């Protein structure tokens, strides 16, 4: 098996598309009004599935966390420490929820966290000083 992509079950498709496209720079691979939307970032496929559509397809209900959650993170790398700080400020100004401002960790990574509109964590980091 090989990893083809990563799926996120979303409540508000349009809001999530706008965030990942306009704030984080993901490329949309199909029509924005599709039930399931494919996005790509640096060769990695991200699949947005409408929660209701997925539940209909699988004939079952699921539980979803509301608010900021710690189930997973999407990690985005930038070129250096200064870019971590700059990118954090840019994405927060565009509407990302600030979680952890940039800081340098003991293992040598400068990192920060924001959240998308549905509370999923996004890390922005670099090991290059």
Protein backbone atom coordinates (compact mmCIF):
# COMPACT_ATOMS: atom_id res chain seq x y z
CA UNK A 1 0.00 0.00 0.00
CA UNK A 2 1.05 3.59 -0.55
CA UNK A 3 -0.33 6.76 0.96
CA UNK A 4 -2.53 8.55 -1.58
CA UNK A 5 -3.86 11.37 0.56
CA UNK A 6 -5.43 12.52 3.78
CA UNK A 7 -9.16 12.97 4.35
CA UNK A 8 -10.93 15.45 6.60
CA UNK A 9 -14.66 15.18 7.33
CA UNK A 10 -15.95 18.74 7.24
CA UNK A 11 -19.06 20.44 8.52
CA UNK A 12 -18.90 23.62 6.40
CA UNK A 13 -17.35 22.78 3.04
CA UNK A 14 -17.25 26.32 1.62
CA UNK A 15 -15.67 27.82 4.74
CA UNK A 16 -13.01 25.10 4.86
CA UNK A 17 -12.25 25.44 1.12
CA UNK A 18 -11.79 29.20 1.47
CA UNK A 19 -9.48 28.75 4.45
CA UNK A 20 -7.24 26.10 2.91
CA UNK A 21 -7.15 27.86 -0.48
CA UNK A 22 -6.97 31.53 0.54
CA UNK A 23 -5.12 31.33 3.88
CA UNK A 24 -2.84 28.29 3.46
CA UNK A 25 -2.39 28.27 -0.33
CA UNK A 26 -3.79 24.84 -1.18
CA UNK A 27 -4.81 24.22 -4.80
CA UNK A 28 -8.39 23.08 -5.44
CA UNK A 29 -8.48 20.19 -7.91
CA UNK A 30 -12.18 20.36 -8.84
CA UNK A 31 -15.35 22.42 -8.59
CA UNK A 32 -15.89 24.06 -5.22
CA UNK A 33 -19.54 22.99 -5.15
CA UNK A 34 -18.79 19.25 -5.31
CA UNK A 35 -19.90 17.06 -2.40
CA UNK A 36 -16.30 15.94 -1.88
CA UNK A 37 -13.48 18.29 -2.76
CA UNK A 38 -9.88 17.41 -3.54
CA UNK A 39 -7.13 19.87 -2.67
CA UNK A 40 -3.40 19.55 -3.15
CA UNK A 41 -0.42 21.03 -1.36
CA UNK A 42 3.12 20.27 -2.53
CA UNK A 43 2.11 16.97 -4.11
CA UNK A 44 0.02 15.74 -1.16
CA UNK A 45 -3.67 15.15 -1.80
CA UNK A 46 -6.17 16.35 0.79
CA UNK A 47 -9.75 15.16 0.53
CA UNK A 48 -12.59 17.10 2.10
CA UNK A 49 -15.65 14.92 2.65
CA UNK A 50 -18.94 16.44 3.69
CA UNK A 51 -19.88 14.79 6.99
CA UNK A 52 -23.51 14.22 6.03
CA UNK A 53 -22.58 12.75 2.65
CA UNK A 54 -20.08 10.37 4.22
CA UNK A 55 -22.63 9.24 6.81
CA UNK A 56 -25.16 8.54 4.05
CA UNK A 57 -22.57 6.60 2.06
CA UNK A 58 -21.58 4.42 5.03
CA UNK A 59 -25.09 4.18 6.53
CA UNK A 60 -23.95 5.19 9.99
CA UNK A 61 -23.58 8.21 12.25
CA UNK A 62 -20.27 9.44 13.67
CA UNK A 63 -19.30 11.70 16.54
CA UNK A 64 -17.37 14.87 15.75
CA UNK A 65 -15.38 17.09 18.08
CA UNK A 66 -16.47 20.71 18.29
CA UNK A 67 -13.96 23.51 18.87
CA UNK A 68 -10.17 23.22 18.95
CA UNK A 69 -9.19 19.56 18.89
CA UNK A 70 -6.05 17.52 19.17
CA UNK A 71 -6.87 14.51 17.00
CA UNK A 72 -4.24 15.32 14.35
CA UNK A 73 -2.18 18.12 12.91
CA UNK A 74 -1.27 19.18 9.42
CA UNK A 75 2.42 20.12 9.41
CA UNK A 76 3.64 22.74 6.94
CA UNK A 77 7.32 23.56 6.58
CA UNK A 78 8.80 26.91 5.66
CA UNK A 79 12.39 27.82 4.72
CA UNK A 80 13.70 29.24 8.02
CA UNK A 81 12.94 30.67 11.47
CA UNK A 82 12.11 34.13 10.12
CA UNK A 83 9.62 32.58 7.69
CA UNK A 84 7.89 30.81 10.59
CA UNK A 85 7.28 34.16 12.29
CA UNK A 86 6.23 35.90 9.08
CA UNK A 87 3.92 33.11 7.95
CA UNK A 88 2.27 32.90 11.37
CA UNK A 89 1.48 36.62 11.29
CA UNK A 90 0.17 36.38 7.73
CA UNK A 91 -2.18 33.42 8.30
CA UNK A 92 -3.51 34.86 11.57
CA UNK A 93 -4.19 38.16 9.79
CA UNK A 94 -6.13 36.18 7.13
CA UNK A 95 -8.31 34.45 9.72
CA UNK A 96 -6.45 31.46 11.18
CA UNK A 97 -7.10 30.99 14.91
CA UNK A 98 -3.85 31.53 16.84
CA UNK A 99 -2.98 28.60 19.13
CA UNK A 100 0.77 28.83 19.84
CA UNK A 101 2.83 31.81 18.69
CA UNK A 102 6.25 31.04 17.20
CA UNK A 103 8.79 29.63 19.62
CA UNK A 104 12.02 27.70 19.29
CA UNK A 105 11.82 24.22 20.78
CA UNK A 106 14.67 22.41 22.61
CA UNK A 107 15.10 20.06 19.62
CA UNK A 108 15.99 23.01 17.37
CA UNK A 109 12.71 23.57 15.53
CA UNK A 110 10.98 26.93 15.40
CA UNK A 111 7.29 26.17 15.36
CA UNK A 112 3.85 27.63 15.84
CA UNK A 113 0.27 26.43 15.67
CA UNK A 114 -2.96 27.80 14.28
CA UNK A 115 -6.36 26.19 13.86
CA UNK A 116 -8.63 26.01 10.83
CA UNK A 117 -12.30 27.09 11.05
CA UNK A 118 -13.36 23.67 12.39
CA UNK A 119 -10.65 23.49 15.05
CA UNK A 120 -8.10 21.24 13.34
CA UNK A 121 -4.49 22.09 14.18
CA UNK A 122 -1.99 23.33 11.59
CA UNK A 123 1.70 23.50 12.48
CA UNK A 124 4.08 25.85 10.68
CA UNK A 125 7.73 25.16 11.36
CA UNK A 126 11.35 25.04 10.28
CA UNK A 127 14.61 23.52 11.49
CA UNK A 128 16.71 26.04 9.54
CA UNK A 129 17.90 29.05 11.51
